[in-house]
Protein backbone atom coordinates (compact mmCIF):
# COMPACT_ATOMS: atom_id res chain seq x y z
CA UNK A 1 125.55 96.85 88.43
CA UNK A 2 123.76 99.78 90.06
CA UNK A 3 120.59 99.04 88.06
CA UNK A 4 120.42 95.36 89.01
CA UNK A 5 118.66 95.93 92.36
CA UNK A 6 116.30 98.44 90.71
CA UNK A 7 115.60 95.99 87.86
CA UNK A 8 115.08 93.16 90.33
CA UNK A 9 112.70 95.29 92.35
CA UNK A 10 110.81 96.27 89.21
CA UNK A 11 110.56 92.60 88.18
CA UNK A 12 109.16 91.68 91.59
CA UNK A 13 106.72 94.57 91.43
CA UNK A 14 105.57 93.58 87.95
CA UNK A 15 105.14 89.97 88.98
CA UNK A 16 103.10 90.91 92.01
CA UNK A 17 101.15 93.51 90.06
CA UNK A 18 100.04 90.79 87.67
CA UNK A 19 97.97 89.37 90.49
CA UNK A 20 97.23 92.48 92.47
CA UNK A 21 96.12 94.58 89.53
CA UNK A 22 93.48 91.98 88.84
CA UNK A 23 92.22 92.68 92.34
CA UNK A 24 91.21 96.13 91.22
CA UNK A 25 89.62 94.84 88.06
CA UNK A 26 87.70 91.97 89.58
CA UNK A 27 86.79 92.19 93.23
CA UNK A 28 84.46 89.93 95.08
CA UNK A 29 80.90 91.06 95.55
CA UNK A 30 80.20 93.87 97.95
CA UNK A 31 79.01 91.32 100.49
CA UNK A 32 82.39 89.64 100.68
CA UNK A 33 84.13 92.99 100.42
CA UNK A 34 82.45 94.01 103.63
CA UNK A 35 84.63 91.40 105.32
CA UNK A 36 87.85 92.78 103.83
CA UNK A 37 90.93 92.28 105.96
CA UNK A 38 91.19 95.42 108.13
CA UNK A 39 94.96 94.95 108.30
CA UNK A 40 95.14 95.25 104.51
CA UNK A 41 93.31 98.55 104.82
CA UNK A 42 95.64 99.96 107.51
CA UNK A 43 96.62 103.50 106.68
CA UNK A 44 93.28 104.26 105.06
CA UNK A 45 90.65 106.32 106.78
CA UNK A 46 87.30 104.61 107.25
CA UNK A 47 85.89 106.93 104.59
CA UNK A 48 88.64 106.05 102.08
CA UNK A 49 88.30 102.34 102.82
CA UNK A 50 84.56 102.54 102.19
CA UNK A 51 85.11 104.45 98.93
CA UNK A 52 87.66 101.84 97.88
CA UNK A 53 85.21 99.01 98.57
CA UNK A 54 82.50 100.78 96.59
CA UNK A 55 84.86 101.46 93.70
CA UNK A 56 86.10 97.89 93.58
CA UNK A 57 82.57 96.45 93.76
CA UNK A 58 81.50 98.74 90.90
CA UNK A 59 84.56 97.81 88.86
CA UNK A 60 83.95 94.12 89.37
CA UNK A 61 80.34 94.46 88.28
CA UNK A 62 81.46 96.34 85.16
CA UNK A 63 84.00 93.65 84.28
CA UNK A 64 81.39 90.93 84.88
CA UNK A 65 79.08 92.76 82.45
CA UNK A 66 81.84 93.46 79.89
CA UNK A 67 82.79 89.79 79.88
CA UNK A 68 79.12 88.80 79.63
CA UNK A 69 79.62 85.95 82.10
CA UNK A 70 77.15 83.17 81.39
CA UNK A 71 75.42 81.08 84.03
CA UNK A 72 77.75 78.19 83.12
CA UNK A 73 80.77 80.44 83.77
CA UNK A 74 79.39 81.88 87.01
CA UNK A 75 80.99 79.26 89.36
CA UNK A 76 84.46 79.98 87.92
CA UNK A 77 83.78 83.73 88.19
CA UNK A 78 82.72 83.37 91.83
CA UNK A 79 85.83 81.32 92.67
CA UNK A 80 87.97 83.90 90.89
CA UNK A 81 86.30 86.82 92.68
CA UNK A 82 86.73 85.18 96.08
CA UNK A 83 90.40 84.45 95.41
CA UNK A 84 90.96 88.10 94.52
CA UNK A 85 89.29 89.51 97.63
CA UNK A 86 91.54 91.66 99.81
CA UNK A 87 90.51 89.54 102.79
CA UNK A 88 92.83 86.88 101.35
CA UNK A 89 95.90 89.08 101.74
CA UNK A 90 98.13 88.28 104.72
CA UNK A 91 98.01 90.98 107.40
CA UNK A 92 100.88 93.41 107.74
CA UNK A 93 102.71 93.25 111.06
CA UNK A 94 102.55 96.31 113.29
CA UNK A 95 105.62 98.50 112.83
CA UNK A 96 106.07 98.72 116.59
CA UNK A 97 106.34 94.92 116.75
CA UNK A 98 108.84 94.80 113.87
CA UNK A 99 111.05 97.42 115.51
CA UNK A 100 111.44 95.14 118.55
CA UNK A 101 113.02 92.39 116.41
CA UNK A 102 116.70 92.07 115.64
CA UNK A 103 117.92 91.98 112.04
CA UNK A 104 117.85 88.19 111.54
CA UNK A 105 114.35 88.05 113.04
CA UNK A 106 113.14 90.88 110.77
CA UNK A 107 114.61 89.12 107.76
CA UNK A 108 112.93 85.85 108.77
CA UNK A 109 109.64 87.70 109.18
CA UNK A 110 110.09 89.28 105.77
CA UNK A 111 110.80 85.90 104.21
CA UNK A 112 107.75 84.36 105.89
CA UNK A 113 105.58 87.19 104.55
CA UNK A 114 107.02 86.68 101.06
CA UNK A 115 106.08 83.00 101.27
CA UNK A 116 102.55 83.98 102.34
CA UNK A 117 102.32 86.38 99.40
CA UNK A 118 103.61 83.69 97.07
CA UNK A 119 100.97 81.25 98.32
CA UNK A 120 98.28 83.91 97.85
CA UNK A 121 99.53 84.64 94.34
CA UNK A 122 99.51 80.91 93.52
CA UNK A 123 95.90 80.67 94.70
CA UNK A 124 95.03 83.69 92.56
CA UNK A 125 96.89 82.30 89.56
CA UNK A 126 94.96 79.04 89.85
CA UNK A 127 91.69 81.00 90.03
CA UNK A 128 92.66 83.08 86.98
CA UNK A 129 93.56 79.93 85.04
CA UNK A 130 90.25 78.31 86.01
CA UNK A 131 88.25 81.34 84.94
CA UNK A 132 90.31 81.87 81.79
CA UNK A 133 89.72 78.25 80.72
CA UNK A 134 85.94 78.74 80.69
CA UNK A 135 86.03 82.08 78.87
CA UNK A 136 85.43 82.26 75.14
CA UNK A 137 88.25 83.64 72.96
CA UNK A 138 86.36 86.97 72.76
CA UNK A 139 86.02 87.10 76.56
CA UNK A 140 89.69 86.20 76.96
CA UNK A 141 90.62 89.14 74.74
CA UNK A 142 88.51 91.52 76.87
CA UNK A 143 90.03 90.05 80.05
CA UNK A 144 93.57 90.36 78.67
CA UNK A 145 93.04 93.95 77.52
CA UNK A 146 91.67 94.98 80.90
CA UNK A 147 94.49 93.30 82.78
CA UNK A 148 97.19 94.65 80.47
CA UNK A 149 95.86 98.20 80.81
CA UNK A 150 95.91 97.93 84.58
CA UNK A 151 99.36 96.33 84.55
CA UNK A 152 100.72 99.26 82.53
CA UNK A 153 99.08 101.78 84.86
CA UNK A 154 100.66 100.00 87.83
CA UNK A 155 104.08 100.05 86.14
CA UNK A 156 103.79 103.76 85.48
CA UNK A 157 102.63 104.49 89.02
CA UNK A 158 105.49 102.45 90.50
CA UNK A 159 108.05 104.11 88.20
CA UNK A 160 106.81 107.56 89.26
CA UNK A 161 107.01 106.51 92.92
CA UNK A 162 110.55 105.17 92.47
CA UNK A 163 111.61 108.39 90.75
CA UNK A 164 110.02 110.40 93.54
CA UNK A 165 111.70 108.29 96.22
CA UNK A 166 115.06 108.44 94.43
CA UNK A 167 115.16 112.24 94.26
């Protein structure tokens, strides 16, 4: 029974990483990244946030090239990239505001944020499905390999963090 909450947490993390790991693999162009949600970047220095934007823009360009996106596939790619942009993530509430809430209010806020995340993930899933449908089988294989690699890296990173937090 002790592992059930840990397993549930890991399942939730894996589910969310399926969408969020794609963010790192396919970000919107650097122009749209310039309008990234500052709340999503909270906790990062301006220098780190800029490096992250540059890294994500470079990674997206590499994936675009690896997939060899055709002009016919470009609209689906653009829709996909826009759906994956960090600007689409709901903002995190300020900790000072959360501390002022009582327990039922905090739980309601948490539930509301989960619903926002679910809606964002649904939008991203729809964009992935749209892009995936226009990819050739060879492109789908490249896309799947890239996503699976990033999913595994995310799993390993989260497992290390959980071990670190548990000790």
